[in-house]
């Protein structure tokens, strides 16, 4: 009499074959509809702070969280699927697979790259420094991701350029700013006088000019 092979044994063999066939393939961490836990709670907290999420901070990835993630993805030039995969989590400022400091540096460098390409190196550091100065100012969010993704603050966020890979100069400028170099002396605003359209921003006291940007308190 032939022995019946159990379904569990078949699944075990399939799992082994997949694992050995793709030994170096990373498994992408993600949160999606139905997920629960601290990562979901952090997603909800940040998206609520930025105006995307209106529900309770309960750590449950339900419909409101799904819709908030989709809206964030659409606004920031990401694939709109409602799944908080690696790229979406990085944009939100939640580290996956690297340290939080590495993610913060990368996001800051991407802002510098999208805002200050072609500017002198000191000007790039100055742009990064204004972001860090905002994290220490009670008028603004307390994290780099919170500052950068605060609604209607940075044009590259709305046009998707924030997702461009930063060049070496932008990475070095972001790192120099994070290490304490602030060419602006504490400024929290900057703009290009030739292209700025906001009347309000001109009410801020201008402290200095570096390249095409002016910097203000």
N, C-alpha and C. Protein backbone atom coordinates (compact mmCIF):
# COMPACT_ATOMS: atom_id res chain seq x y z
N UNK A 1 0.84 -1.19 0.00
CA UNK A 1 0.00 0.00 0.00
C UNK A 1 0.88 1.24 0.00
N UNK A 2 0.63 2.10 -0.95
CA UNK A 2 1.42 3.30 -1.05
C UNK A 2 1.04 4.29 0.04
N UNK A 3 2.09 4.94 0.60
CA UNK A 3 1.85 5.94 1.62
C UNK A 3 1.45 7.27 0.96
N UNK A 4 0.46 7.93 1.56
CA UNK A 4 0.03 9.24 1.07
C UNK A 4 0.98 10.31 1.57
N UNK A 5 1.39 11.17 0.68
CA UNK A 5 2.25 12.29 1.07
C UNK A 5 1.38 13.41 1.59
N UNK A 6 1.65 13.87 2.79
CA UNK A 6 0.81 14.91 3.40
C UNK A 6 1.02 16.25 2.72
N UNK A 7 -0.02 17.09 2.78
CA UNK A 7 0.06 18.44 2.22
C UNK A 7 1.16 19.24 2.90
N UNK A 8 1.34 19.04 4.22
CA UNK A 8 2.38 19.76 4.96
C UNK A 8 3.76 19.44 4.40
N UNK A 9 3.96 18.16 4.05
CA UNK A 9 5.26 17.77 3.51
C UNK A 9 5.51 18.41 2.15
N UNK A 10 4.44 18.45 1.34
CA UNK A 10 4.56 19.08 0.02
C UNK A 10 4.93 20.55 0.16
N UNK A 11 4.24 21.26 1.06
CA UNK A 11 4.52 22.69 1.28
C UNK A 11 5.93 22.90 1.79
N UNK A 12 6.39 21.98 2.65
CA UNK A 12 7.75 22.10 3.18
C UNK A 12 8.79 21.99 2.07
N UNK A 13 8.55 21.05 1.12
CA UNK A 13 9.46 20.86 0.01
C UNK A 13 9.48 22.10 -0.88
N UNK A 14 8.28 22.64 -1.16
CA UNK A 14 8.18 23.84 -2.00
C UNK A 14 8.92 25.01 -1.35
N UNK A 15 8.73 25.17 -0.06
CA UNK A 15 9.39 26.26 0.67
C UNK A 15 10.90 26.12 0.60
N UNK A 16 11.39 24.87 0.76
CA UNK A 16 12.83 24.61 0.69
C UNK A 16 13.38 24.93 -0.69
N UNK A 17 12.65 24.53 -1.73
CA UNK A 17 13.09 24.79 -3.09
C UNK A 17 13.17 26.28 -3.38
N UNK A 18 12.17 27.05 -2.93
CA UNK A 18 12.17 28.49 -3.14
C UNK A 18 13.34 29.13 -2.42
N UNK A 19 13.57 28.71 -1.18
CA UNK A 19 14.63 29.30 -0.38
C UNK A 19 16.01 29.05 -0.98
N UNK A 20 16.21 27.83 -1.51
CA UNK A 20 17.53 27.49 -2.06
C UNK A 20 17.71 28.01 -3.47
N UNK A 21 16.61 28.26 -4.17
CA UNK A 21 16.71 28.78 -5.53
C UNK A 21 17.00 30.27 -5.56
N UNK A 22 16.56 30.98 -4.49
CA UNK A 22 16.75 32.43 -4.44
C UNK A 22 17.38 32.81 -3.10
N UNK A 23 18.60 32.37 -2.84
CA UNK A 23 19.18 32.57 -1.52
C UNK A 23 19.48 34.02 -1.19
N UNK A 24 19.74 34.83 -2.19
CA UNK A 24 20.14 36.21 -1.93
C UNK A 24 19.00 37.20 -2.10
N UNK A 25 17.80 36.74 -2.38
CA UNK A 25 16.69 37.65 -2.62
C UNK A 25 16.15 38.18 -1.30
N UNK A 26 16.20 39.52 -1.08
CA UNK A 26 15.73 40.05 0.19
C UNK A 26 14.22 40.01 0.29
N UNK A 27 13.71 39.88 1.49
CA UNK A 27 12.27 39.96 1.73
C UNK A 27 11.95 41.38 2.15
N UNK A 28 11.12 42.07 1.39
CA UNK A 28 10.81 43.47 1.66
C UNK A 28 9.81 43.57 2.80
N UNK A 29 10.22 44.30 3.83
CA UNK A 29 9.31 44.55 4.95
C UNK A 29 8.22 45.51 4.49
N UNK A 30 6.99 45.25 4.90
CA UNK A 30 5.91 46.15 4.52
C UNK A 30 4.75 46.01 5.48
N UNK A 31 3.94 47.06 5.50
CA UNK A 31 2.67 47.01 6.21
C UNK A 31 1.58 47.21 5.17
N UNK A 32 0.49 46.48 5.31
CA UNK A 32 -0.59 46.58 4.34
C UNK A 32 -1.92 46.35 5.05
N UNK A 33 -3.01 46.41 4.27
CA UNK A 33 -4.35 46.25 4.84
C UNK A 33 -4.42 44.99 5.68
N UNK A 34 -4.82 45.15 6.93
CA UNK A 34 -4.92 44.02 7.84
C UNK A 34 -3.74 43.87 8.79
N UNK A 35 -2.63 44.58 8.50
CA UNK A 35 -1.47 44.51 9.39
C UNK A 35 -1.77 45.19 10.72
N UNK A 36 -1.04 44.77 11.75
CA UNK A 36 -1.17 45.36 13.08
C UNK A 36 0.22 45.51 13.68
N UNK A 37 0.36 46.48 14.58
CA UNK A 37 1.61 46.59 15.30
C UNK A 37 2.15 48.00 15.39
N UNK A 38 3.39 48.08 15.93
CA UNK A 38 4.00 49.37 16.19
C UNK A 38 4.32 50.13 14.91
N UNK A 39 4.73 49.41 13.86
CA UNK A 39 5.02 50.09 12.60
C UNK A 39 3.77 50.77 12.04
N UNK A 40 2.64 50.10 12.12
CA UNK A 40 1.39 50.69 11.66
C UNK A 40 1.05 51.92 12.50
N UNK A 41 1.27 51.82 13.79
CA UNK A 41 1.01 52.95 14.69
C UNK A 41 1.87 54.15 14.30
N UNK A 42 3.13 53.89 13.96
CA UNK A 42 4.04 54.97 13.56
C UNK A 42 3.61 55.58 12.23
N UNK A 43 3.16 54.75 11.30
CA UNK A 43 2.64 55.25 10.02
C UNK A 43 1.45 56.16 10.28
N UNK A 44 0.54 55.71 11.09
CA UNK A 44 -0.66 56.51 11.39
C UNK A 44 -0.29 57.83 12.07
N UNK A 45 0.64 57.78 13.00
CA UNK A 45 1.04 58.98 13.73
C UNK A 45 1.61 60.04 12.79
N UNK A 46 2.49 59.62 11.90
CA UNK A 46 3.13 60.57 10.99
C UNK A 46 2.15 61.10 9.96
N UNK A 47 1.34 60.22 9.39
CA UNK A 47 0.39 60.67 8.38
C UNK A 47 -0.70 61.55 8.99
N UNK A 48 -1.04 61.31 10.24
CA UNK A 48 -2.02 62.17 10.91
C UNK A 48 -1.42 63.55 11.16
N UNK A 49 -0.15 63.58 11.55
CA UNK A 49 0.54 64.84 11.80
C UNK A 49 0.59 65.70 10.53
N UNK A 50 0.68 65.04 9.37
CA UNK A 50 0.78 65.77 8.10
C UNK A 50 -0.56 65.98 7.42
N UNK A 51 -1.64 65.53 8.05
CA UNK A 51 -2.97 65.79 7.52
C UNK A 51 -3.53 64.75 6.57
N UNK A 52 -2.88 63.61 6.44
CA UNK A 52 -3.37 62.56 5.54
C UNK A 52 -4.33 61.60 6.24
N UNK A 53 -4.11 61.37 7.51
CA UNK A 53 -4.86 60.35 8.24
C UNK A 53 -5.77 61.01 9.28
N UNK A 54 -7.03 60.56 9.33
CA UNK A 54 -8.00 61.18 10.24
C UNK A 54 -8.53 60.23 11.31
N UNK A 55 -8.07 58.99 11.29
CA UNK A 55 -8.59 58.01 12.24
C UNK A 55 -7.84 58.00 13.56
N UNK A 56 -8.11 56.97 14.36
CA UNK A 56 -7.44 56.80 15.64
C UNK A 56 -6.07 56.16 15.46
N UNK A 57 -5.14 56.49 16.35
CA UNK A 57 -3.83 55.85 16.34
C UNK A 57 -3.96 54.53 17.10
N UNK A 58 -4.35 53.48 16.37
CA UNK A 58 -4.65 52.21 17.03
C UNK A 58 -3.76 51.05 16.58
N UNK A 59 -2.86 51.31 15.63
CA UNK A 59 -1.97 50.26 15.17
C UNK A 59 -2.62 49.22 14.28
N UNK A 60 -3.81 49.53 13.78
CA UNK A 60 -4.54 48.60 12.90
C UNK A 60 -4.61 49.21 11.49
N UNK A 61 -4.09 48.49 10.51
CA UNK A 61 -4.04 48.99 9.12
C UNK A 61 -5.40 48.73 8.46
N UNK A 62 -6.34 49.63 8.75
CA UNK A 62 -7.67 49.50 8.18
C UNK A 62 -7.87 50.40 6.98
N UNK A 63 -9.14 50.65 6.65
CA UNK A 63 -9.47 51.40 5.43
C UNK A 63 -8.92 52.82 5.47
N UNK A 64 -9.06 53.51 6.61
CA UNK A 64 -8.59 54.89 6.70
C UNK A 64 -7.08 54.99 6.54
N UNK A 65 -6.36 54.02 7.11
CA UNK A 65 -4.90 54.00 6.96
C UNK A 65 -4.52 53.72 5.51
N UNK A 66 -5.22 52.77 4.91
CA UNK A 66 -4.99 52.43 3.49
C UNK A 66 -5.18 53.66 2.60
N UNK A 67 -6.29 54.38 2.82
CA UNK A 67 -6.57 55.56 2.02
C UNK A 67 -5.54 56.66 2.27
N UNK A 68 -5.10 56.82 3.52
CA UNK A 68 -4.11 57.84 3.85
C UNK A 68 -2.78 57.54 3.17
N UNK A 69 -2.37 56.25 3.16
CA UNK A 69 -1.14 55.86 2.49
C UNK A 69 -1.23 56.12 0.99
N UNK A 70 -2.36 55.80 0.40
CA UNK A 70 -2.55 56.06 -1.04
C UNK A 70 -2.45 57.55 -1.35
N UNK A 71 -3.05 58.38 -0.52
CA UNK A 71 -3.00 59.82 -0.74
C UNK A 71 -1.56 60.33 -0.61
N UNK A 72 -0.84 59.84 0.40
CA UNK A 72 0.56 60.22 0.59
C UNK A 72 1.39 59.79 -0.62
N UNK A 73 1.18 58.58 -1.10
CA UNK A 73 1.92 58.08 -2.26
C UNK A 73 1.64 58.94 -3.49
N UNK A 74 0.38 59.26 -3.72
CA UNK A 74 0.00 60.07 -4.87
C UNK A 74 0.63 61.46 -4.82
N UNK A 75 0.61 62.06 -3.65
CA UNK A 75 1.15 63.41 -3.47
C UNK A 75 2.65 63.44 -3.67
N UNK A 76 3.33 62.35 -3.33
CA UNK A 76 4.78 62.36 -3.32
C UNK A 76 5.43 61.54 -4.43
N UNK A 77 4.67 61.25 -5.49
CA UNK A 77 5.24 60.62 -6.67
C UNK A 77 5.65 59.17 -6.49
N UNK A 78 5.01 58.47 -5.56
CA UNK A 78 5.30 57.06 -5.33
C UNK A 78 4.24 56.19 -6.00
N UNK A 79 4.51 54.90 -6.14
CA UNK A 79 3.52 53.98 -6.68
C UNK A 79 2.30 53.95 -5.76
N UNK A 80 1.13 54.22 -6.32
CA UNK A 80 -0.09 54.32 -5.51
C UNK A 80 -0.74 52.94 -5.42
N UNK A 81 -0.43 52.22 -4.34
CA UNK A 81 -1.01 50.89 -4.15
C UNK A 81 -1.55 50.69 -2.74
N UNK A 82 -1.39 51.69 -1.88
CA UNK A 82 -1.90 51.57 -0.52
C UNK A 82 -1.09 50.66 0.38
N UNK A 83 0.06 50.20 -0.11
CA UNK A 83 0.93 49.32 0.66
C UNK A 83 2.15 50.11 1.13
N UNK A 84 2.46 50.07 2.40
CA UNK A 84 3.63 50.76 2.93
C UNK A 84 4.86 49.88 2.80
N UNK A 85 5.36 49.81 1.56
CA UNK A 85 6.58 49.05 1.30
C UNK A 85 7.81 49.87 1.63
N UNK A 86 8.98 49.39 1.22
CA UNK A 86 10.24 50.02 1.62
C UNK A 86 10.33 51.47 1.18
N UNK A 87 9.96 51.77 -0.08
CA UNK A 87 10.09 53.15 -0.57
C UNK A 87 9.11 54.08 0.14
N UNK A 88 7.89 53.61 0.34
CA UNK A 88 6.91 54.45 1.03
C UNK A 88 7.31 54.68 2.48
N UNK A 89 7.78 53.62 3.15
CA UNK A 89 8.21 53.77 4.53
C UNK A 89 9.40 54.73 4.62
N UNK A 90 10.32 54.65 3.64
CA UNK A 90 11.46 55.56 3.65
C UNK A 90 11.01 57.01 3.47
N UNK A 91 10.03 57.21 2.58
CA UNK A 91 9.51 58.57 2.36
C UNK A 91 8.82 59.10 3.61
N UNK A 92 8.15 58.22 4.33
CA UNK A 92 7.48 58.62 5.57
C UNK A 92 8.51 58.88 6.67
N UNK A 93 9.70 58.29 6.51
CA UNK A 93 10.75 58.49 7.50
C UNK A 93 10.89 57.35 8.48
N UNK A 94 10.40 56.16 8.08
CA UNK A 94 10.49 54.98 8.94
C UNK A 94 11.55 54.05 8.36
N UNK A 95 12.57 53.77 9.15
CA UNK A 95 13.71 53.00 8.67
C UNK A 95 13.36 51.53 8.51
N UNK A 96 13.80 50.93 7.39
CA UNK A 96 13.66 49.48 7.18
C UNK A 96 14.97 48.96 6.61
N UNK A 97 15.67 48.15 7.37
CA UNK A 97 16.90 47.54 6.88
C UNK A 97 18.13 48.40 7.07
N UNK A 98 18.00 49.68 7.38
CA UNK A 98 19.13 50.54 7.66
C UNK A 98 18.79 51.32 8.91
N UNK A 99 19.77 52.03 9.43
CA UNK A 99 19.53 52.79 10.64
C UNK A 99 18.67 54.01 10.35
N UNK A 100 18.02 54.52 11.38
CA UNK A 100 17.19 55.72 11.21
C UNK A 100 18.05 56.89 10.75
N UNK A 101 19.30 56.94 11.22
CA UNK A 101 20.20 58.01 10.81
C UNK A 101 20.51 57.97 9.33
N UNK A 102 20.68 56.75 8.78
CA UNK A 102 20.93 56.61 7.35
C UNK A 102 19.74 57.09 6.54
N UNK A 103 18.53 56.74 6.97
CA UNK A 103 17.32 57.17 6.26
C UNK A 103 17.17 58.68 6.33
N UNK A 104 17.47 59.24 7.49
CA UNK A 104 17.36 60.69 7.66
C UNK A 104 18.36 61.41 6.76
N UNK A 105 19.58 60.90 6.70
CA UNK A 105 20.60 61.48 5.83
C UNK A 105 20.18 61.41 4.38
N UNK A 106 19.65 60.26 3.96
CA UNK A 106 19.24 60.09 2.56
C UNK A 106 18.12 61.06 2.20
N UNK A 107 17.13 61.20 3.06
CA UNK A 107 16.01 62.10 2.77
C UNK A 107 16.49 63.55 2.71
N UNK A 108 17.34 63.94 3.65
CA UNK A 108 17.85 65.31 3.65
C UNK A 108 18.69 65.57 2.40
N UNK A 109 19.51 64.59 2.00
CA UNK A 109 20.33 64.73 0.79
C UNK A 109 19.46 64.85 -0.45
N UNK A 110 18.33 64.12 -0.49
CA UNK A 110 17.44 64.21 -1.65
C UNK A 110 16.80 65.60 -1.73
N UNK A 111 16.47 66.20 -0.59
CA UNK A 111 15.94 67.56 -0.62
C UNK A 111 17.00 68.53 -1.12
N UNK A 112 18.21 68.39 -0.62
CA UNK A 112 19.31 69.26 -1.06
C UNK A 112 19.52 69.12 -2.56
N UNK A 113 19.53 67.88 -3.04
CA UNK A 113 19.75 67.64 -4.47
C UNK A 113 18.66 68.27 -5.32
N UNK A 114 17.42 68.15 -4.88
CA UNK A 114 16.30 68.66 -5.69
C UNK A 114 16.15 70.18 -5.57
N UNK A 115 16.58 70.75 -4.47
CA UNK A 115 16.43 72.19 -4.26
C UNK A 115 17.66 73.01 -4.63
N UNK A 116 18.85 72.41 -4.56
CA UNK A 116 20.06 73.22 -4.67
C UNK A 116 21.07 72.71 -5.69
N UNK A 117 20.61 71.95 -6.68
CA UNK A 117 21.53 71.55 -7.76
C UNK A 117 22.06 72.81 -8.44
N UNK A 118 23.37 72.85 -8.67
CA UNK A 118 23.96 74.01 -9.33
C UNK A 118 24.36 75.12 -8.37
N UNK A 119 23.96 75.01 -7.11
CA UNK A 119 24.34 76.01 -6.12
C UNK A 119 25.74 75.72 -5.58
N UNK A 120 26.43 76.74 -5.04
CA UNK A 120 27.73 76.48 -4.42
C UNK A 120 27.58 75.52 -3.25
N UNK A 121 28.67 74.83 -2.93
CA UNK A 121 28.60 73.81 -1.89
C UNK A 121 28.08 74.38 -0.57
N UNK A 122 28.54 75.57 -0.21
CA UNK A 122 28.07 76.18 1.03
C UNK A 122 26.57 76.39 0.99
N UNK A 123 26.04 76.71 -0.19
CA UNK A 123 24.60 76.89 -0.34
C UNK A 123 23.83 75.60 -0.13
N UNK A 124 24.43 74.49 -0.56
CA UNK A 124 23.78 73.20 -0.34
C UNK A 124 23.74 72.87 1.15
N UNK A 125 24.84 73.09 1.84
CA UNK A 125 24.86 72.86 3.28
C UNK A 125 23.84 73.75 3.97
N UNK A 126 23.73 74.99 3.49
CA UNK A 126 22.79 75.94 4.09
C UNK A 126 21.34 75.47 3.96
N UNK A 127 20.98 74.91 2.81
CA UNK A 127 19.62 74.39 2.62
C UNK A 127 19.36 73.26 3.61
N UNK A 128 20.32 72.35 3.74
CA UNK A 128 20.16 71.25 4.70
C UNK A 128 20.06 71.79 6.13
N UNK A 129 20.84 72.80 6.44
CA UNK A 129 20.84 73.36 7.79
C UNK A 129 19.49 73.96 8.16
N UNK A 130 18.81 74.59 7.19
CA UNK A 130 17.50 75.19 7.51
C UNK A 130 16.49 74.12 7.90
N UNK A 131 16.58 72.95 7.27
CA UNK A 131 15.68 71.84 7.63
C UNK A 131 15.95 71.41 9.07
N UNK A 132 17.22 71.23 9.40
CA UNK A 132 17.57 70.81 10.76
C UNK A 132 17.20 71.88 11.78
N UNK A 133 17.35 73.15 11.40
CA UNK A 133 16.94 74.22 12.30
C UNK A 133 15.44 74.18 12.58
N UNK A 134 14.67 73.80 11.59
CA UNK A 134 13.22 73.69 11.79
C UNK A 134 12.87 72.60 12.81
N UNK A 135 13.63 71.51 12.81
CA UNK A 135 13.32 70.44 13.77
C UNK A 135 13.52 70.90 15.21
N UNK A 136 14.28 71.97 15.39
CA UNK A 136 14.52 72.49 16.75
C UNK A 136 13.66 73.72 17.05
N UNK A 137 12.78 74.08 16.12
CA UNK A 137 11.92 75.24 16.26
C UNK A 137 10.50 74.77 16.55
N UNK A 138 9.88 75.30 17.57
CA UNK A 138 8.55 74.83 18.00
C UNK A 138 7.46 75.07 16.96
N UNK A 139 7.72 75.89 15.95
CA UNK A 139 6.72 76.15 14.91
C UNK A 139 6.63 75.02 13.89
N UNK A 140 7.59 74.09 13.92
CA UNK A 140 7.70 73.07 12.89
C UNK A 140 7.74 71.67 13.51
N UNK A 141 7.55 70.63 12.69
CA UNK A 141 7.68 69.26 13.20
C UNK A 141 9.08 69.01 13.76
N UNK A 142 9.21 67.95 14.53
CA UNK A 142 10.46 67.70 15.25
C UNK A 142 11.39 66.71 14.55
N UNK A 143 11.01 66.21 13.37
CA UNK A 143 11.86 65.27 12.65
C UNK A 143 12.13 65.79 11.24
N UNK A 144 13.20 65.29 10.64
CA UNK A 144 13.53 65.69 9.27
C UNK A 144 12.41 65.32 8.31
N UNK A 145 11.89 64.10 8.43
CA UNK A 145 10.79 63.69 7.56
C UNK A 145 9.56 64.55 7.80
N UNK A 146 9.28 64.86 9.06
CA UNK A 146 8.12 65.70 9.37
C UNK A 146 8.23 67.08 8.76
N UNK A 147 9.43 67.65 8.82
CA UNK A 147 9.66 68.99 8.24
C UNK A 147 9.51 68.94 6.72
N UNK A 148 10.18 67.97 6.09
CA UNK A 148 10.20 67.93 4.63
C UNK A 148 8.83 67.61 4.05
N UNK A 149 8.09 66.71 4.71
CA UNK A 149 6.79 66.33 4.19
C UNK A 149 5.64 67.13 4.79
N UNK A 150 5.93 68.16 5.55
CA UNK A 150 4.87 69.05 6.01
C UNK A 150 4.19 69.67 4.79
N UNK A 151 2.87 69.61 4.70
CA UNK A 151 2.18 70.07 3.48
C UNK A 151 2.54 71.49 3.06
N UNK A 152 2.72 71.65 1.73
CA UNK A 152 2.91 72.96 1.10
C UNK A 152 4.16 73.68 1.55
N UNK A 153 5.21 72.94 1.87
CA UNK A 153 6.45 73.58 2.31
C UNK A 153 7.55 73.53 1.24
N UNK A 154 7.68 72.40 0.55
CA UNK A 154 8.79 72.23 -0.40
C UNK A 154 8.26 71.78 -1.75
N UNK A 155 8.58 72.54 -2.77
CA UNK A 155 8.11 72.23 -4.13
C UNK A 155 8.54 70.84 -4.60
N UNK A 156 9.78 70.37 -4.34
CA UNK A 156 10.16 69.03 -4.81
C UNK A 156 9.29 67.91 -4.27
N UNK A 157 8.66 68.13 -3.13
CA UNK A 157 7.76 67.11 -2.59
C UNK A 157 6.51 67.00 -3.45
N UNK A 158 6.00 68.13 -3.89
CA UNK A 158 4.77 68.13 -4.68
C UNK A 158 5.01 67.72 -6.14
N UNK A 159 6.22 67.99 -6.67
CA UNK A 159 6.45 67.63 -8.07
C UNK A 159 7.22 66.32 -8.25
N UNK A 160 7.53 65.66 -7.14
CA UNK A 160 8.16 64.34 -7.21
C UNK A 160 9.67 64.32 -7.27
N UNK A 161 10.32 65.49 -7.40
CA UNK A 161 11.77 65.50 -7.49
C UNK A 161 12.46 65.06 -6.20
N UNK A 162 11.73 65.05 -5.10
CA UNK A 162 12.29 64.59 -3.84
C UNK A 162 12.72 63.13 -3.94
N UNK A 163 12.19 62.40 -4.92
CA UNK A 163 12.50 60.98 -5.08
C UNK A 163 13.72 60.72 -5.97
N UNK A 164 14.34 61.79 -6.50
CA UNK A 164 15.54 61.62 -7.31
C UNK A 164 16.71 61.20 -6.42
N UNK A 165 17.58 60.37 -6.95
CA UNK A 165 18.76 59.94 -6.18
C UNK A 165 19.72 61.11 -6.03
N UNK A 166 20.18 61.39 -4.81
CA UNK A 166 21.09 62.52 -4.60
C UNK A 166 22.49 62.22 -5.12
N UNK A 167 23.21 63.27 -5.57
CA UNK A 167 24.59 63.09 -5.98
C UNK A 167 25.50 63.16 -4.76
N UNK A 168 26.78 62.88 -4.98
CA UNK A 168 27.73 62.82 -3.87
C UNK A 168 27.83 64.15 -3.13
N UNK A 169 27.79 65.25 -3.88
CA UNK A 169 27.90 66.57 -3.26
C UNK A 169 26.73 66.83 -2.31
N UNK A 170 25.53 66.44 -2.72
CA UNK A 170 24.36 66.64 -1.87
C UNK A 170 24.42 65.78 -0.61
N UNK A 171 24.92 64.56 -0.75
CA UNK A 171 25.07 63.68 0.41
C UNK A 171 26.07 64.26 1.39
N UNK A 172 27.20 64.76 0.86
CA UNK A 172 28.21 65.34 1.73
C UNK A 172 27.68 66.60 2.42
N UNK A 173 26.92 67.39 1.68
CA UNK A 173 26.36 68.62 2.25
C UNK A 173 25.38 68.30 3.38
N UNK A 174 24.53 67.29 3.15
CA UNK A 174 23.59 66.89 4.19
C UNK A 174 24.33 66.38 5.42
N UNK A 175 25.39 65.61 5.19
CA UNK A 175 26.16 65.07 6.32
C UNK A 175 26.85 66.20 7.09
N UNK A 176 27.41 67.17 6.36
CA UNK A 176 28.08 68.30 7.02
C UNK A 176 27.09 69.07 7.90
N UNK A 177 25.88 69.27 7.39
CA UNK A 177 24.86 69.98 8.17
C UNK A 177 24.48 69.18 9.41
N UNK A 178 24.33 67.86 9.24
CA UNK A 178 23.97 67.01 10.38
C UNK A 178 25.09 66.96 11.42
N UNK A 179 26.32 67.22 10.97
CA UNK A 179 27.45 67.25 11.89
C UNK A 179 27.65 68.62 12.53
N UNK A 180 26.75 69.57 12.22
CA UNK A 180 26.79 70.84 12.93
C UNK A 180 27.13 72.08 12.14
N UNK A 181 27.47 71.96 10.86
CA UNK A 181 27.81 73.15 10.08
C UNK A 181 26.53 73.86 9.66
N UNK A 182 26.38 75.10 10.05
CA UNK A 182 25.21 75.91 9.68
C UNK A 182 25.67 77.25 9.13
N UNK A 183 25.85 77.37 7.82
CA UNK A 183 26.28 78.64 7.23
C UNK A 183 25.26 79.77 7.39
N UNK A 184 24.01 79.42 7.78
CA UNK A 184 22.95 80.44 7.85
C UNK A 184 22.85 81.08 9.22
N UNK A 185 23.47 80.50 10.22
CA UNK A 185 23.36 81.05 11.56
C UNK A 185 21.98 80.92 12.18
N UNK A 186 21.27 79.85 11.84
CA UNK A 186 19.99 79.58 12.48
C UNK A 186 18.76 79.85 11.65
N UNK A 187 18.90 80.13 10.36
CA UNK A 187 17.74 80.43 9.50
C UNK A 187 16.84 79.20 9.32
N UNK A 188 15.56 79.45 9.11
CA UNK A 188 14.60 78.36 8.88
C UNK A 188 13.85 78.52 7.56
N UNK A 189 14.12 79.59 6.83
CA UNK A 189 13.49 79.81 5.52
C UNK A 189 14.56 80.10 4.48
N UNK A 190 14.30 79.70 3.25
CA UNK A 190 15.14 80.10 2.12
C UNK A 190 14.27 80.12 0.87
N UNK A 191 14.65 80.93 -0.10
CA UNK A 191 13.93 80.96 -1.37
C UNK A 191 14.78 81.66 -2.42
N UNK A 192 14.39 81.45 -3.67
CA UNK A 192 15.05 82.10 -4.80
C UNK A 192 14.25 83.36 -5.15
N UNK A 193 14.80 84.55 -4.95
CA UNK A 193 14.05 85.78 -5.21
C UNK A 193 13.54 85.89 -6.65
N UNK A 194 14.23 85.21 -7.58
CA UNK A 194 13.84 85.31 -8.99
C UNK A 194 12.61 84.48 -9.31
N UNK A 195 12.29 83.50 -8.47
CA UNK A 195 11.18 82.61 -8.78
C UNK A 195 10.11 82.54 -7.69
N UNK A 196 10.38 83.11 -6.52
CA UNK A 196 9.43 83.02 -5.41
C UNK A 196 8.13 83.74 -5.75
N UNK A 197 7.01 83.11 -5.43
CA UNK A 197 5.69 83.70 -5.72
C UNK A 197 4.92 84.05 -4.45
N UNK A 198 5.40 83.60 -3.31
CA UNK A 198 4.70 83.88 -2.06
C UNK A 198 5.01 85.27 -1.54
N UNK A 199 3.98 86.06 -1.32
CA UNK A 199 4.18 87.39 -0.75
C UNK A 199 4.54 87.28 0.73
N UNK A 200 3.95 86.29 1.40
CA UNK A 200 4.20 86.14 2.83
C UNK A 200 5.67 85.93 3.14
N UNK A 201 6.36 85.13 2.31
CA UNK A 201 7.73 84.79 2.63
C UNK A 201 8.63 86.03 2.67
N UNK A 202 8.25 87.06 1.91
CA UNK A 202 9.06 88.27 1.91
C UNK A 202 8.90 89.07 3.20
N UNK A 203 7.96 88.66 4.04
CA UNK A 203 7.81 89.33 5.34
C UNK A 203 8.85 88.84 6.34
N UNK A 204 9.55 87.76 5.99
CA UNK A 204 10.57 87.22 6.88
C UNK A 204 11.86 88.02 6.76
N UNK A 205 12.53 88.32 7.86
CA UNK A 205 13.77 89.12 7.81
C UNK A 205 14.92 88.34 7.17
N UNK A 206 15.37 88.81 6.02
CA UNK A 206 16.46 88.15 5.30
C UNK A 206 17.78 88.40 6.02
N UNK A 207 18.54 87.31 6.21
CA UNK A 207 19.80 87.41 6.96
C UNK A 207 21.02 87.38 6.05
N UNK A 208 20.96 86.59 4.99
CA UNK A 208 22.10 86.50 4.08
C UNK A 208 21.68 85.88 2.75
N UNK A 209 22.59 85.96 1.80
CA UNK A 209 22.37 85.34 0.49
C UNK A 209 23.55 84.47 0.16
N UNK A 210 23.27 83.26 -0.34
CA UNK A 210 24.30 82.34 -0.81
C UNK A 210 23.86 81.84 -2.17
N UNK A 211 24.62 82.11 -3.20
CA UNK A 211 24.22 81.72 -4.55
C UNK A 211 22.93 82.41 -4.93
N UNK A 212 21.98 81.65 -5.41
CA UNK A 212 20.68 82.20 -5.84
C UNK A 212 19.65 82.26 -4.71
N UNK A 213 19.97 81.70 -3.55
CA UNK A 213 19.02 81.65 -2.45
C UNK A 213 19.27 82.73 -1.40
N UNK A 214 18.19 83.27 -0.87
CA UNK A 214 18.30 84.10 0.33
C UNK A 214 17.80 83.27 1.50
N UNK A 215 18.33 83.56 2.68
CA UNK A 215 18.00 82.80 3.89
C UNK A 215 17.48 83.75 4.95
N UNK A 216 16.41 83.32 5.63
CA UNK A 216 15.74 84.20 6.57
C UNK A 216 15.38 83.47 7.85
N UNK A 217 15.09 84.27 8.89
CA UNK A 217 14.71 83.73 10.19
C UNK A 217 13.19 83.50 10.23
